[in-house]
């Protein structure tokens, strides 16, 4: 049943799930996995519409928006976790790749054949790379050429760095190079590259902190103060000591005041609070994406920061409103 439901997903998503299933060694069939998350998402969307409209008694537009949001979240989160799992394993392989190459080169120099060196270098701490090294060793023993067996290693590991490294090794073998010397040189180059990445990461950490604090602390503080001021102005404009004629006179000089005062007020404190909440949500989401691009080069690398940014910014927003209200709420303007 679930595999038939999975066929309802777009072809690109189906292919993407199949690719991630290979990288993560998923035991469940990709179509069944896609069908399960699609069905869960549809049920969550329907439940969101039903609860919002019938129990919370919001308008049908809000109910549809809530249902759509629930559908997107329940569909997107499992797909994100699946892709993140594949990326994490690939990142782990990239970190240990220099040590693996060095160990293979040492085994070859000690007199082991290439296939035996690959097998002996497949340590458990190498993770997915260990399985692929053993698989390549078995293929060489069964009669496959070394180049063909090595090119199969990156097939089940999501790492462009591993793909390029294996390609360089294969090209070196085809050109008659010594495997051990080539592996040592590549290992040294990869260590230098990893060190350079760490240095670049340290240099951009200040920018990441600045962006993070701007979205998590600066924006909610400003929105909290401004929403309180709008509430005070709207309340004061409705008091009897401010006549509509005075509001109209001031609004000629300051058009923003006409939106706050009088019986025809078009902006209320509730509207500003709602607008601030929506803006904070969008700001936090895009801030996380920017941090992901700076830190990892990919937008999805910053998705993990979205919950943290949302929690911190919304808590600070309401705390600032409470503090400002308690300090200046009784002040006469």
C-alpha atoms as a PDB file:
ATOM      1  CA  UNK A   1       0.000   0.000   0.000  1.00  0.00           C
ATOM      2  CA  UNK A   2       2.697   2.473   0.990  1.00  0.00           C
ATOM      3  CA  UNK A   3       4.648   1.900  -2.215  1.00  0.00           C
ATOM      4  CA  UNK A   4       1.581   2.902  -4.245  1.00  0.00           C
ATOM      5  CA  UNK A   5       1.184   6.051  -2.168  1.00  0.00           C
ATOM      6  CA  UNK A   6       4.875   6.769  -2.710  1.00  0.00           C
ATOM      7  CA  UNK A   7       4.283   6.824  -6.457  1.00  0.00           C
ATOM      8  CA  UNK A   8       2.225  10.001  -5.907  1.00  0.00           C
ATOM      9  CA  UNK A   9       5.387  11.889  -5.005  1.00  0.00           C
ATOM     10  CA  UNK A  10       7.083  13.879  -7.794  1.00  0.00           C
ATOM     11  CA  UNK A  11       9.625  11.899  -9.800  1.00  0.00           C
ATOM     12  CA  UNK A  12      12.493  14.108  -8.609  1.00  0.00           C
ATOM     13  CA  UNK A  13      11.675  13.418  -4.970  1.00  0.00           C
ATOM     14  CA  UNK A  14      11.398   9.682  -5.664  1.00  0.00           C
ATOM     15  CA  UNK A  15      14.834   9.655  -7.326  1.00  0.00           C
ATOM     16  CA  UNK A  16      16.286  11.731  -4.516  1.00  0.00           C
ATOM     17  CA  UNK A  17      14.960   9.327  -1.868  1.00  0.00           C
ATOM     18  CA  UNK A  18      16.412   6.377  -3.783  1.00  0.00           C
ATOM     19  CA  UNK A  19      19.824   8.073  -3.914  1.00  0.00           C
ATOM     20  CA  UNK A  20      19.787   8.893  -0.179  1.00  0.00           C
ATOM     21  CA  UNK A  21      18.678   5.325   0.582  1.00  0.00           C
ATOM     22  CA  UNK A  22      21.861   4.055  -1.079  1.00  0.00           C
ATOM     23  CA  UNK A  23      24.045   6.489   0.886  1.00  0.00           C
ATOM     24  CA  UNK A  24      22.423   5.650   4.243  1.00  0.00           C
ATOM     25  CA  UNK A  25      22.035   1.890   3.616  1.00  0.00           C
ATOM     26  CA  UNK A  26      18.304   2.188   4.293  1.00  0.00           C
ATOM     27  CA  UNK A  27      16.621  -1.125   5.007  1.00  0.00           C
ATOM     28  CA  UNK A  28      13.148   0.103   3.996  1.00  0.00           C
ATOM     29  CA  UNK A  29      12.335   0.358   0.310  1.00  0.00           C
ATOM     30  CA  UNK A  30      12.484   3.973  -0.901  1.00  0.00           C
ATOM     31  CA  UNK A  31       8.923   3.963  -2.269  1.00  0.00           C
ATOM     32  CA  UNK A  32       7.563   2.570   0.996  1.00  0.00           C
ATOM     33  CA  UNK A  33       9.466   5.205   2.958  1.00  0.00           C
ATOM     34  CA  UNK A  34       8.129   7.949   0.673  1.00  0.00           C
ATOM     35  CA  UNK A  35       4.606   6.582   0.946  1.00  0.00           C
ATOM     36  CA  UNK A  36       4.736   6.573   4.738  1.00  0.00           C
ATOM     37  CA  UNK A  37       5.878  10.180   5.046  1.00  0.00           C
ATOM     38  CA  UNK A  38       3.417  11.338   2.379  1.00  0.00           C
ATOM     39  CA  UNK A  39       0.492   9.658   4.124  1.00  0.00           C
ATOM     40  CA  UNK A  40       1.602  11.052   7.489  1.00  0.00           C
ATOM     41  CA  UNK A  41       1.867  14.532   5.986  1.00  0.00           C
ATOM     42  CA  UNK A  42      -1.619  14.351   4.471  1.00  0.00           C
ATOM     43  CA  UNK A  43      -3.129  13.206   7.764  1.00  0.00           C
ATOM     44  CA  UNK A  44      -1.277  15.960   9.630  1.00  0.00           C
ATOM     45  CA  UNK A  45      -2.544  18.570   7.153  1.00  0.00           C
ATOM     46  CA  UNK A  46      -6.150  17.379   7.485  1.00  0.00           C
ATOM     47  CA  UNK A  47      -5.836  17.319  11.285  1.00  0.00           C
ATOM     48  CA  UNK A  48      -4.426  20.850  11.250  1.00  0.00           C
ATOM     49  CA  UNK A  49      -7.372  22.155   9.215  1.00  0.00           C
ATOM     50  CA  UNK A  50      -9.927  20.344  11.381  1.00  0.00           C
ATOM     51  CA  UNK A  51      -8.459  21.485  14.717  1.00  0.00           C
ATOM     52  CA  UNK A  52      -7.907  25.080  13.609  1.00  0.00           C
ATOM     53  CA  UNK A  53     -11.372  25.519  12.103  1.00  0.00           C
ATOM     54  CA  UNK A  54     -13.628  23.520  14.432  1.00  0.00           C
ATOM     55  CA  UNK A  55     -11.863  23.644  17.798  1.00  0.00           C
ATOM     56  CA  UNK A  56      -9.914  26.909  17.696  1.00  0.00           C
ATOM     57  CA  UNK A  57     -12.684  28.515  15.580  1.00  0.00           C
ATOM     58  CA  UNK A  58     -10.402  30.420  13.239  1.00  0.00           C
ATOM     59  CA  UNK A  59     -11.404  31.381   9.721  1.00  0.00           C
ATOM     60  CA  UNK A  60     -11.189  28.861   6.909  1.00  0.00           C
ATOM     61  CA  UNK A  61      -8.191  30.706   5.441  1.00  0.00           C
ATOM     62  CA  UNK A  62      -6.253  30.321   8.670  1.00  0.00           C
ATOM     63  CA  UNK A  63      -7.298  26.678   8.844  1.00  0.00           C
ATOM     64  CA  UNK A  64      -6.059  26.002   5.308  1.00  0.00           C
ATOM     65  CA  UNK A  65      -2.803  27.836   6.007  1.00  0.00           C
ATOM     66  CA  UNK A  66      -2.281  25.790   9.186  1.00  0.00           C
ATOM     67  CA  UNK A  67      -3.038  22.549   7.373  1.00  0.00           C
ATOM     68  CA  UNK A  68      -0.634  23.399   4.582  1.00  0.00           C
ATOM     69  CA  UNK A  69       2.044  24.302   7.110  1.00  0.00           C
ATOM     70  CA  UNK A  70       1.562  20.988   8.930  1.00  0.00           C
ATOM     71  CA  UNK A  71       1.757  19.117   5.609  1.00  0.00           C
ATOM     72  CA  UNK A  72       5.014  20.852   4.653  1.00  0.00           C
ATOM     73  CA  UNK A  73       6.590  20.267   8.076  1.00  0.00           C
ATOM     74  CA  UNK A  74       5.673  16.579   8.291  1.00  0.00           C
ATOM     75  CA  UNK A  75       6.879  16.017   4.720  1.00  0.00           C
ATOM     76  CA  UNK A  76      10.000  18.159   4.883  1.00  0.00           C
ATOM     77  CA  UNK A  77      11.425  17.111   8.250  1.00  0.00           C
ATOM     78  CA  UNK A  78      11.836  13.367   7.432  1.00  0.00           C
ATOM     79  CA  UNK A  79      13.345  14.223   4.046  1.00  0.00           C
ATOM     80  CA  UNK A  80      15.728  16.679   5.686  1.00  0.00           C
ATOM     81  CA  UNK A  81      16.766  14.121   8.309  1.00  0.00           C
ATOM     82  CA  UNK A  82      17.364  11.544   5.592  1.00  0.00           C
ATOM     83  CA  UNK A  83      19.548  13.881   3.565  1.00  0.00           C
ATOM     84  CA  UNK A  84      21.338  15.122   6.682  1.00  0.00           C
ATOM     85  CA  UNK A  85      22.171  11.545   7.662  1.00  0.00           C
ATOM     86  CA  UNK A  86      23.790  10.939   4.275  1.00  0.00           C
ATOM     87  CA  UNK A  87      25.694  14.240   4.479  1.00  0.00           C
ATOM     88  CA  UNK A  88      26.896  13.499   8.013  1.00  0.00           C
ATOM     89  CA  UNK A  89      28.294  10.109   7.021  1.00  0.00           C
ATOM     90  CA  UNK A  90      29.992  11.660   4.006  1.00  0.00           C
ATOM     91  CA  UNK A  91      31.494  14.389   6.193  1.00  0.00           C
ATOM     92  CA  UNK A  92      32.793  11.766   8.613  1.00  0.00           C
ATOM     93  CA  UNK A  93      34.458   9.887   5.765  1.00  0.00           C
ATOM     94  CA  UNK A  94      36.098  13.102   4.545  1.00  0.00           C
ATOM     95  CA  UNK A  95      37.570  13.727   7.993  1.00  0.00           C
ATOM     96  CA  UNK A  96      39.125  10.273   8.313  1.00  0.00           C
ATOM     97  CA  UNK A  97      40.093   9.906   4.643  1.00  0.00           C
ATOM     98  CA  UNK A  98      43.711  11.162   5.091  1.00  0.00           C
ATOM     99  CA  UNK A  99      44.303   8.589   7.859  1.00  0.00           C
ATOM    100  CA  UNK A 100      42.758   5.829   5.744  1.00  0.00           C
ATOM    101  CA  UNK A 101      44.970   6.658   2.751  1.00  0.00           C
ATOM    102  CA  UNK A 102      48.046   6.795   4.980  1.00  0.00           C
ATOM    103  CA  UNK A 103      47.217   3.406   6.471  1.00  0.00           C
ATOM    104  CA  UNK A 104      46.668   1.816   3.045  1.00  0.00           C
ATOM    105  CA  UNK A 105      49.993   3.225   1.829  1.00  0.00           C
ATOM    106  CA  UNK A 106      51.784   1.878   4.914  1.00  0.00           C
ATOM    107  CA  UNK A 107      50.309  -1.584   4.385  1.00  0.00           C
ATOM    108  CA  UNK A 108      51.369  -1.601   0.735  1.00  0.00           C
ATOM    109  CA  UNK A 109      54.910  -0.508   1.653  1.00  0.00           C
ATOM    110  CA  UNK A 110      55.076  -3.283   4.228  1.00  0.00           C
ATOM    111  CA  UNK A 111      54.708  -5.825   1.409  1.00  0.00           C
ATOM    112  CA  UNK A 112      50.978  -6.535   1.316  1.00  0.00           C
ATOM    113  CA  UNK A 113      49.224  -6.781  -2.014  1.00  0.00           C
ATOM    114  CA  UNK A 114      46.795  -4.031  -2.935  1.00  0.00           C
ATOM    115  CA  UNK A 115      43.659  -6.034  -2.197  1.00  0.00           C
ATOM    116  CA  UNK A 116      45.075  -7.276   1.115  1.00  0.00           C
ATOM    117  CA  UNK A 117      46.142  -3.740   2.062  1.00  0.00           C
ATOM    118  CA  UNK A 118      42.629  -2.481   1.420  1.00  0.00           C
ATOM    119  CA  UNK A 119      41.125  -5.255   3.530  1.00  0.00           C
ATOM    120  CA  UNK A 120      43.532  -4.753   6.439  1.00  0.00           C
ATOM    121  CA  UNK A 121      42.928  -0.997   6.359  1.00  0.00           C
ATOM    122  CA  UNK A 122      39.172  -1.389   6.759  1.00  0.00           C
ATOM    123  CA  UNK A 123      39.066  -0.463  10.432  1.00  0.00           C
ATOM    124  CA  UNK A 124      35.681  -0.265  12.214  1.00  0.00           C
ATOM    125  CA  UNK A 125      36.230   3.411  13.100  1.00  0.00           C
ATOM    126  CA  UNK A 126      36.267   4.276   9.406  1.00  0.00           C
ATOM    127  CA  UNK A 127      32.503   3.708   9.262  1.00  0.00           C
ATOM    128  CA  UNK A 128      31.009   3.454   5.788  1.00  0.00           C
ATOM    129  CA  UNK A 129      34.457   3.677   4.205  1.00  0.00           C
ATOM    130  CA  UNK A 130      35.443   0.475   5.989  1.00  0.00           C
ATOM    131  CA  UNK A 131      32.655  -1.475   4.283  1.00  0.00           C
ATOM    132  CA  UNK A 132      33.547  -0.061   0.885  1.00  0.00           C
ATOM    133  CA  UNK A 133      37.245  -0.905   1.315  1.00  0.00           C
ATOM    134  CA  UNK A 134      36.348  -4.505   2.124  1.00  0.00           C
ATOM    135  CA  UNK A 135      34.000  -4.631  -0.846  1.00  0.00           C
ATOM    136  CA  UNK A 136      36.716  -3.280  -3.184  1.00  0.00           C
ATOM    137  CA  UNK A 137      39.196  -5.828  -1.827  1.00  0.00           C
ATOM    138  CA  UNK A 138      36.797  -8.708  -2.508  1.00  0.00           C
ATOM    139  CA  UNK A 139      36.142  -7.469  -6.034  1.00  0.00           C
ATOM    140  CA  UNK A 140      39.883  -7.369  -6.780  1.00  0.00           C
ATOM    141  CA  UNK A 141      40.271 -10.897  -5.431  1.00  0.00           C
ATOM    142  CA  UNK A 142      37.407 -12.045  -7.649  1.00  0.00           C
ATOM    143  CA  UNK A 143      39.226 -10.823 -10.742  1.00  0.00           C
ATOM    144  CA  UNK A 144      38.130  -7.198 -11.228  1.00  0.00           C
ATOM    145  CA  UNK A 145      40.734  -4.636 -12.221  1.00  0.00           C
ATOM    146  CA  UNK A 146      41.995  -2.392  -9.426  1.00  0.00           C
ATOM    147  CA  UNK A 147      40.733   0.740 -11.162  1.00  0.00           C
ATOM    148  CA  UNK A 148      37.230  -0.689 -11.596  1.00  0.00           C
ATOM    149  CA  UNK A 149      37.032  -1.859  -7.981  1.00  0.00           C
ATOM    150  CA  UNK A 150      38.255   1.473  -6.618  1.00  0.00           C
ATOM    151  CA  UNK A 151      35.733   3.464  -8.661  1.00  0.00           C
ATOM    152  CA  UNK A 152      32.934   1.610  -6.846  1.00  0.00           C
ATOM    153  CA  UNK A 153      34.001   2.983  -3.439  1.00  0.00           C
ATOM    154  CA  UNK A 154      32.329   6.439  -3.774  1.00  0.00           C
ATOM    155  CA  UNK A 155      29.079   4.981  -5.120  1.00  0.00           C
ATOM    156  CA  UNK A 156      27.576   4.469  -1.655  1.00  0.00           C
ATOM    157  CA  UNK A 157      29.163   7.436   0.135  1.00  0.00           C
ATOM    158  CA  UNK A 158      27.903  10.965  -0.409  1.00  0.00           C
ATOM    159  CA  UNK A 159      31.176  12.841  -0.655  1.00  0.00           C
ATOM    160  CA  UNK A 160      32.492  14.825  -3.583  1.00  0.00           C
ATOM    161  CA  UNK A 161      35.916  14.906  -1.925  1.00  0.00           C
ATOM    162  CA  UNK A 162      36.077  11.106  -1.813  1.00  0.00           C
ATOM    163  CA  UNK A 163      34.911  10.948  -5.417  1.00  0.00           C
ATOM    164  CA  UNK A 164      37.702  13.284  -6.574  1.00  0.00           C
ATOM    165  CA  UNK A 165      40.299  11.470  -4.471  1.00  0.00           C
ATOM    166  CA  UNK A 166      39.439   8.053  -5.887  1.00  0.00           C
ATOM    167  CA  UNK A 167      39.455   9.528  -9.394  1.00  0.00           C
ATOM    168  CA  UNK A 168      42.989  10.893  -8.847  1.00  0.00           C
ATOM    169  CA  UNK A 169      44.149   7.523  -7.515  1.00  0.00           C
ATOM    170  CA  UNK A 170      42.705   5.714 -10.542  1.00  0.00           C
ATOM    171  CA  UNK A 171      44.311   8.187 -12.948  1.00  0.00           C
ATOM    172  CA  UNK A 172      47.642   7.777 -11.195  1.00  0.00           C
ATOM    173  CA  UNK A 173      47.410   3.995 -11.485  1.00  0.00           C
ATOM    174  CA  UNK A 174      46.554   4.223 -15.190  1.00  0.00           C
ATOM    175  CA  UNK A 175      49.580   6.458 -15.769  1.00  0.00           C
ATOM    176  CA  UNK A 176      51.901   3.959 -14.090  1.00  0.00           C
ATOM    177  CA  UNK A 177      52.399   5.718 -10.758  1.00  0.00           C
ATOM    178  CA  UNK A 178      53.339   3.972  -7.531  1.00  0.00           C
ATOM    179  CA  UNK A 179      50.171   3.502  -5.488  1.00  0.00           C
ATOM    180  CA  UNK A 180      51.860   3.911  -2.119  1.00  0.00           C
ATOM    181  CA  UNK A 181      53.598   7.177  -3.024  1.00  0.00           C
ATOM    182  CA  UNK A 182      50.398   8.509  -4.583  1.00  0.00           C
ATOM    183  CA  UNK A 183      48.375   7.693  -1.481  1.00  0.00           C
ATOM    184  CA  UNK A 184      50.891   9.398   0.794  1.00  0.00           C
ATOM    185  CA  UNK A 185      50.869  12.545  -1.344  1.00  0.00           C
ATOM    186  CA  UNK A 186      47.085  12.643  -1.443  1.00  0.00           C
ATOM    187  CA  UNK A 187      46.932  12.116   2.308  1.00  0.00           C
ATOM    188  CA  UNK A 188      49.224  15.080   2.919  1.00  0.00           C
ATOM    189  CA  UNK A 189      47.229  17.263   0.522  1.00  0.00           C
ATOM    190  CA  UNK A 190      43.947  16.340   2.219  1.00  0.00           C
ATOM    191  CA  UNK A 191      45.373  17.184   5.644  1.00  0.00           C
ATOM    192  CA  UNK A 192      46.427  20.597   4.371  1.00  0.00           C
ATOM    193  CA  UNK A 193      42.979  21.125   2.869  1.00  0.00           C
ATOM    194  CA  UNK A 194      41.255  20.181   6.138  1.00  0.00           C
ATOM    195  CA  UNK A 195      43.538  22.536   8.050  1.00  0.00           C
ATOM    196  CA  UNK A 196      42.728  25.320   5.594  1.00  0.00           C
ATOM    197  CA  UNK A 197      39.009  24.672   6.032  1.00  0.00           C
ATOM    198  CA  UNK A 198      39.396  24.936   9.789  1.00  0.00           C
ATOM    199  CA  UNK A 199      41.248  28.237   9.435  1.00  0.00           C
ATOM    200  CA  UNK A 200      38.589  29.642   7.122  1.00  0.00           C
ATOM    201  CA  UNK A 201      35.884  28.478   9.532  1.00  0.00           C
ATOM    202  CA  UNK A 202      37.597  30.322  12.382  1.00  0.00           C
ATOM    203  CA  UNK A 203      37.809  33.490  10.306  1.00  0.00           C
ATOM    204  CA  UNK A 204      34.113  33.529   9.423  1.00  0.00           C
ATOM    205  CA  UNK A 205      32.940  32.614  12.927  1.00  0.00           C
ATOM    206  CA  UNK A 206      32.776  36.293  13.847  1.00  0.00           C
ATOM    207  CA  UNK A 207      30.411  36.977  10.957  1.00  0.00           C
ATOM    208  CA  UNK A 208      28.263  34.025  11.974  1.00  0.00           C
ATOM    209  CA  UNK A 209      28.035  35.293  15.549  1.00  0.00           C
ATOM    210  CA  UNK A 210      27.121  38.791  14.364  1.00  0.00           C
ATOM    211  CA  UNK A 211      24.337  37.491  12.123  1.00  0.00           C
ATOM    212  CA  UNK A 212      23.087  35.126  14.835  1.00  0.00           C
ATOM    213  CA  UNK A 213      22.915  37.798  17.552  1.00  0.00           C
ATOM    214  CA  UNK A 214      21.260  40.264  15.177  1.00  0.00           C
ATOM    215  CA  UNK A 215      18.413  37.851  14.490  1.00  0.00           C
ATOM    216  CA  UNK A 216      18.189  36.270  17.956  1.00  0.00           C
ATOM    217  CA  UNK A 217      18.547  39.414  20.082  1.00  0.00           C
ATOM    218  CA  UNK A 218      18.559  42.617  18.039  1.00  0.00           C
ATOM    219  CA  UNK A 219      15.431  42.079  15.957  1.00  0.00           C
ATOM    220  CA  UNK A 220      13.153  40.787  18.770  1.00  0.00           C
ATOM    221  CA  UNK A 221      14.239  43.605  21.094  1.00  0.00           C
ATOM    222  CA  UNK A 222      13.416  46.253  18.482  1.00  0.00           C
ATOM    223  CA  UNK A 223      10.105  44.625  17.579  1.00  0.00           C
ATOM    224  CA  UNK A 224       9.187  44.285  21.252  1.00  0.00           C
ATOM    225  CA  UNK A 225       9.792  47.978  21.939  1.00  0.00           C
ATOM    226  CA  UNK A 226       8.146  49.199  18.725  1.00  0.00           C
ATOM    227  CA  UNK A 227       5.036  47.068  19.226  1.00  0.00           C
ATOM    228  CA  UNK A 228       4.628  48.498  22.732  1.00  0.00           C
ATOM    229  CA  UNK A 229       5.012  52.061  21.432  1.00  0.00           C
ATOM    230  CA  UNK A 230       2.389  51.429  18.763  1.00  0.00           C
ATOM    231  CA  UNK A 231       0.033  50.120  21.436  1.00  0.00           C
ATOM    232  CA  UNK A 232       0.569  53.198  23.606  1.00  0.00           C
ATOM    233  CA  UNK A 233       0.008  55.578  20.701  1.00  0.00           C
ATOM    234  CA  UNK A 234      -3.125  53.755  19.616  1.00  0.00           C
ATOM    235  CA  UNK A 235      -4.475  53.820  23.178  1.00  0.00           C
ATOM    236  CA  UNK A 236      -3.645  57.464  23.769  1.00  0.00           C
ATOM    237  CA  UNK A 237      -5.170  58.529  20.472  1.00  0.00           C
ATOM    238  CA  UNK A 238      -8.497  57.054  21.563  1.00  0.00           C
ATOM    239  CA  UNK A 239      -8.579  59.038  24.806  1.00  0.00           C
ATOM    240  CA  UNK A 240     -10.967  61.913  25.093  1.00  0.00           C
ATOM    241  CA  UNK A 241      -8.270  64.554  25.425  1.00  0.00           C
ATOM    242  CA  UNK A 242      -7.189  63.965  21.820  1.00  0.00           C
ATOM    243  CA  UNK A 243      -9.825  64.994  19.386  1.00  0.00           C
ATOM    244  CA  UNK A 244     -10.133  63.670  15.855  1.00  0.00           C
ATOM    245  CA  UNK A 245      -9.354  67.205  14.585  1.00  0.00           C
ATOM    246  CA  UNK A 246      -6.017  67.187  16.414  1.00  0.00           C
ATOM    247  CA  UNK A 247      -5.173  63.778  15.037  1.00  0.00           C
ATOM    248  CA  UNK A 248      -6.081  64.948  11.543  1.00  0.00           C
ATOM    249  CA  UNK A 249      -3.909  68.032  11.959  1.00  0.00           C
ATOM    250  CA  UNK A 250      -0.904  66.047  13.125  1.00  0.00           C
ATOM    251  CA  UNK A 251      -1.421  63.396  10.492  1.00  0.00           C
ATOM    252  CA  UNK A 252      -0.877  66.019   7.815  1.00  0.00           C
ATOM    253  CA  UNK A 253       2.665  66.410   9.082  1.00  0.00           C
ATOM    254  CA  UNK A 254       3.161  62.772   9.986  1.00  0.00           C
ATOM    255  CA  UNK A 255       1.119  60.333   7.841  1.00  0.00           C
ATOM    256  CA  UNK A 256       2.106  57.432  10.114  1.00  0.00           C
ATOM    257  CA  UNK A 257       0.079  58.977  12.959  1.00  0.00           C
ATOM    258  CA  UNK A 258      -3.112  58.837  10.924  1.00  0.00           C
ATOM    259  CA  UNK A 259      -2.757  55.064  10.784  1.00  0.00           C
ATOM    260  CA  UNK A 260      -2.687  54.844  14.568  1.00  0.00           C
ATOM    261  CA  UNK A 261      -5.278  57.288  15.760  1.00  0.00           C
ATOM    262  CA  UNK A 262      -8.963  58.005  15.600  1.00  0.00           C
ATOM    263  CA  UNK A 263     -11.936  55.828  15.156  1.00  0.00           C
ATOM    264  CA  UNK A 264     -10.718  54.890  11.681  1.00  0.00           C
ATOM    265  CA  UNK A 265      -7.475  53.430  12.967  1.00  0.00           C
ATOM    266  CA  UNK A 266      -6.126  50.855  10.521  1.00  0.00           C
ATOM    267  CA  UNK A 267      -3.295  49.535  12.687  1.00  0.00           C
ATOM    268  CA  UNK A 268      -3.758  48.081  16.146  1.00  0.00           C
ATOM    269  CA  UNK A 269      -1.321  46.697  18.671  1.00  0.00           C
ATOM    270  CA  UNK A 270      -2.536  43.175  17.928  1.00  0.00           C
ATOM    271  CA  UNK A 271      -1.769  43.656  14.245  1.00  0.00           C
ATOM    272  CA  UNK A 272       1.743  44.921  14.990  1.00  0.00           C
ATOM    273  CA  UNK A 273       2.416  42.004  17.343  1.00  0.00           C
ATOM    274  CA  UNK A 274       1.196  39.561  14.698  1.00  0.00           C
ATOM    275  CA  UNK A 275       3.290  41.280  12.023  1.00  0.00           C
ATOM    276  CA  UNK A 276       6.343  41.173  14.325  1.00  0.00           C
ATOM    277  CA  UNK A 277       5.894  37.450  14.940  1.00  0.00           C
ATOM    278  CA  UNK A 278       5.655  36.692  11.219  1.00  0.00           C
ATOM    279  CA  UNK A 279       8.678  38.878  10.492  1.00  0.00           C
ATOM    280  CA  UNK A 280      10.705  37.227  13.261  1.00  0.00           C
ATOM    281  CA  UNK A 281       9.863  33.791  11.872  1.00  0.00           C
ATOM    282  CA  UNK A 282      10.965  34.747   8.347  1.00  0.00           C
ATOM    283  CA  UNK A 283      14.059  36.522   9.666  1.00  0.00           C
ATOM    284  CA  UNK A 284      15.140  33.522  11.721  1.00  0.00           C
ATOM    285  CA  UNK A 285      14.617  31.146   8.803  1.00  0.00           C
ATOM    286  CA  UNK A 286      16.646  33.207   6.338  1.00  0.00           C
ATOM    287  CA  UNK A 287      19.298  33.957   8.963  1.00  0.00           C
ATOM    288  CA  UNK A 288      19.757  30.212   9.480  1.00  0.00           C
ATOM    289  CA  UNK A 289      20.094  29.703   5.729  1.00  0.00           C
ATOM    290  CA  UNK A 290      22.730  32.447   5.512  1.00  0.00           C
ATOM    291  CA  UNK A 291      24.664  30.917   8.411  1.00  0.00           C
ATOM    292  CA  UNK A 292      24.492  27.551   6.657  1.00  0.00           C
ATOM    293  CA  UNK A 293      25.912  29.014   3.446  1.00  0.00           C
ATOM    294  CA  UNK A 294      28.754  30.749   5.286  1.00  0.00           C
ATOM    295  CA  UNK A 295      29.615  27.769   7.500  1.00  0.00           C
ATOM    296  CA  UNK A 296      29.107  24.808   5.166  1.00  0.00           C
ATOM    297  CA  UNK A 297      28.447  26.230   1.709  1.00  0.00           C
ATOM    298  CA  UNK A 298      24.894  24.818   1.691  1.00  0.00           C
ATOM    299  CA  UNK A 299      21.630  26.388   2.818  1.00  0.00           C
ATOM    300  CA  UNK A 300      20.451  23.221   4.534  1.00  0.00           C
ATOM    301  CA  UNK A 301      23.526  23.332   6.736  1.00  0.00           C
ATOM    302  CA  UNK A 302      21.804  26.083   8.722  1.00  0.00           C
ATOM    303  CA  UNK A 303      18.412  24.404   9.143  1.00  0.00           C
ATOM    304  CA  UNK A 304      19.495  23.060  12.531  1.00  0.00           C
ATOM    305  CA  UNK A 305      19.779  26.658  13.773  1.00  0.00           C
ATOM    306  CA  UNK A 306      16.141  27.523  12.988  1.00  0.00           C
ATOM    307  CA  UNK A 307      14.616  26.043  16.199  1.00  0.00           C
ATOM    308  CA  UNK A 308      17.262  27.736  18.355  1.00  0.00           C
ATOM    309  CA  UNK A 309      16.755  31.100  16.671  1.00  0.00           C
ATOM    310  CA  UNK A 310      12.977  30.850  16.896  1.00  0.00           C
ATOM    311  CA  UNK A 311      12.963  29.912  20.580  1.00  0.00           C
ATOM    312  CA  UNK A 312      15.455  32.604  21.606  1.00  0.00           C
ATOM    313  CA  UNK A 313      13.939  35.384  19.482  1.00  0.00           C
ATOM    314  CA  UNK A 314      10.310  34.747  20.486  1.00  0.00           C
ATOM    315  CA  UNK A 315      11.159  34.439  24.187  1.00  0.00           C
ATOM    316  CA  UNK A 316      13.137  37.683  24.047  1.00  0.00           C
ATOM    317  CA  UNK A 317      10.363  39.409  22.085  1.00  0.00           C
ATOM    318  CA  UNK A 318       7.735  38.723  24.744  1.00  0.00           C
ATOM    319  CA  UNK A 319      10.180  39.355  27.610  1.00  0.00           C
ATOM    320  CA  UNK A 320      11.014  42.791  26.178  1.00  0.00           C
ATOM    321  CA  UNK A 321       7.324  43.609  25.797  1.00  0.00           C
ATOM    322  CA  UNK A 322       6.631  42.605  29.402  1.00  0.00           C
ATOM    323  CA  UNK A 323       9.621  44.558  30.724  1.00  0.00           C
ATOM    324  CA  UNK A 324       8.822  47.700  28.757  1.00  0.00           C
ATOM    325  CA  UNK A 325       5.145  47.465  29.705  1.00  0.00           C
ATOM    326  CA  UNK A 326       5.992  47.098  33.397  1.00  0.00           C
ATOM    327  CA  UNK A 327       8.431  50.021  33.293  1.00  0.00           C
ATOM    328  CA  UNK A 328       6.477  52.497  31.189  1.00  0.00           C
ATOM    329  CA  UNK A 329       2.939  51.113  31.174  1.00  0.00           C
ATOM    330  CA  UNK A 330       1.701  53.631  33.731  1.00  0.00           C
ATOM    331  CA  UNK A 331       3.575  56.579  32.302  1.00  0.00           C
ATOM    332  CA  UNK A 332       1.396  59.324  30.907  1.00  0.00           C
ATOM    333  CA  UNK A 333       2.168  60.498  27.414  1.00  0.00           C
END
